[in-house]
Amino acid sequence: MILSEDRISHLSHLLQDSIWKDDMVDFREDEAALREIKRALHKYFSTTEEIDALVRQKLYSQSKKIVEGSQEWDVLYKKYFEEELSKKRF
């Protein structure tokens, strides 16, 4: 899922507000904190897109053809996605 810069900015502001309101962190520099949140979101979403492509390629290349959307596809997709995600250490 590709998110627009506006969507990532909106999510960043929501996260920053939530963290601040829940008194989890006091930001010294709001703009620096917001930039870091945006950077982390960009990295996360680009990584999940890469993993999605890898998992789909793995599923499509199996000798036993699995129908996308089937229960078997969903189970294997989730399993492979979690494996790849753990390799990226997210």
Protein backbone atom coordinates (compact mmCIF):
# COMPACT_ATOMS: atom_id res chain seq x y z
CA MET A 1 0.00 0.00 0.00
CA ILE A 2 1.55 3.24 -1.12
CA LEU A 3 0.66 6.18 1.06
CA SER A 4 0.83 9.76 -0.11
CA GLU A 5 3.05 12.28 1.61
CA ASP A 6 -0.09 14.01 2.92
CA ARG A 7 -1.35 10.76 4.46
CA ILE A 8 1.98 10.05 6.12
CA SER A 9 2.09 13.62 7.42
CA HIS A 10 -1.42 13.26 8.82
CA LEU A 11 -0.53 9.95 10.51
CA SER A 12 2.64 11.51 11.91
CA HIS A 13 0.70 14.34 13.49
CA LEU A 14 -1.83 11.90 14.96
CA LEU A 15 0.95 9.77 16.44
CA GLN A 16 2.77 12.77 17.86
CA ASP A 17 -0.44 14.11 19.42
CA SER A 18 -1.32 10.72 20.87
CA ILE A 19 2.13 10.20 22.36
CA TRP A 20 2.07 13.67 23.88
CA LYS A 21 -1.51 13.41 25.23
CA ASP A 22 -0.83 10.00 26.80
CA ASP A 23 2.12 11.65 28.55
CA MET A 24 4.50 9.04 27.14
CA VAL A 25 7.12 11.54 26.04
CA ASP A 26 7.81 15.23 26.30
CA PHE A 27 9.31 16.43 23.05
CA ARG A 28 12.14 18.93 23.29
CA GLU A 29 11.68 19.93 19.67
CA ASP A 30 8.29 19.24 18.17
CA GLU A 31 9.51 19.61 14.59
CA ALA A 32 12.42 17.22 15.11
CA ALA A 33 10.09 14.66 16.70
CA LEU A 34 7.66 15.00 13.82
CA ARG A 35 10.44 14.52 11.26
CA GLU A 36 11.58 11.37 13.05
CA ILE A 37 8.04 9.96 13.16
CA LYS A 38 7.65 10.65 9.42
CA ARG A 39 11.00 9.00 8.70
CA ALA A 40 9.98 5.91 10.68
CA LEU A 41 6.63 5.68 8.90
CA HIS A 42 8.29 6.00 5.49
CA LYS A 43 10.73 3.24 6.38
CA TYR A 44 8.01 0.98 7.75
CA PHE A 45 5.69 1.35 4.77
CA SER A 46 8.46 0.98 2.19
CA THR A 47 9.70 -2.14 4.00
CA THR A 48 6.23 -3.69 4.13
CA GLU A 49 5.81 -3.02 0.39
CA GLU A 50 9.09 -4.80 -0.31
CA ILE A 51 8.07 -7.71 1.90
CA ASP A 52 4.67 -7.93 0.21
CA ALA A 53 6.38 -8.21 -3.19
CA LEU A 54 8.77 -10.90 -1.89
CA VAL A 55 5.97 -12.94 -0.31
CA ARG A 56 3.78 -12.74 -3.42
CA GLN A 57 6.71 -13.82 -5.59
CA LYS A 58 7.35 -16.74 -3.25
CA LEU A 59 3.69 -17.79 -3.35
CA TYR A 60 3.39 -17.44 -7.15
CA SER A 61 6.56 -19.48 -7.74
CA GLN A 62 5.47 -22.51 -5.74
CA SER A 63 4.97 -25.68 -7.73
CA LYS A 64 1.53 -26.14 -6.19
CA LYS A 65 -0.56 -23.27 -7.49
CA ILE A 66 -2.40 -21.55 -4.66
CA VAL A 67 -5.37 -19.35 -5.42
CA GLU A 68 -4.97 -15.81 -4.13
CA GLY A 69 -7.66 -15.05 -1.57
CA SER A 70 -8.09 -18.67 -0.53
CA GLN A 71 -7.65 -19.71 3.07
CA GLU A 72 -4.41 -21.50 2.19
CA TRP A 73 -3.09 -18.34 0.48
CA ASP A 74 -3.98 -16.23 3.50
CA VAL A 75 -2.29 -18.60 5.95
CA LEU A 76 0.89 -18.89 3.88
CA TYR A 77 0.96 -15.17 3.10
CA LYS A 78 0.78 -14.32 6.81
CA LYS A 79 3.42 -16.92 7.69
CA TYR A 80 5.86 -15.78 4.99
CA PHE A 81 5.20 -12.10 5.72
CA GLU A 82 5.98 -12.56 9.42
CA GLU A 83 9.14 -14.49 8.56
CA GLU A 84 10.38 -11.72 6.26
CA LEU A 85 9.37 -9.03 8.72
CA SER A 86 11.36 -10.71 11.48
CA LYS A 87 14.41 -10.73 9.18
CA LYS A 88 14.04 -6.95 8.84
CA ARG A 89 13.71 -6.67 12.65
CA PHE A 90 10.60 -4.55 12.77
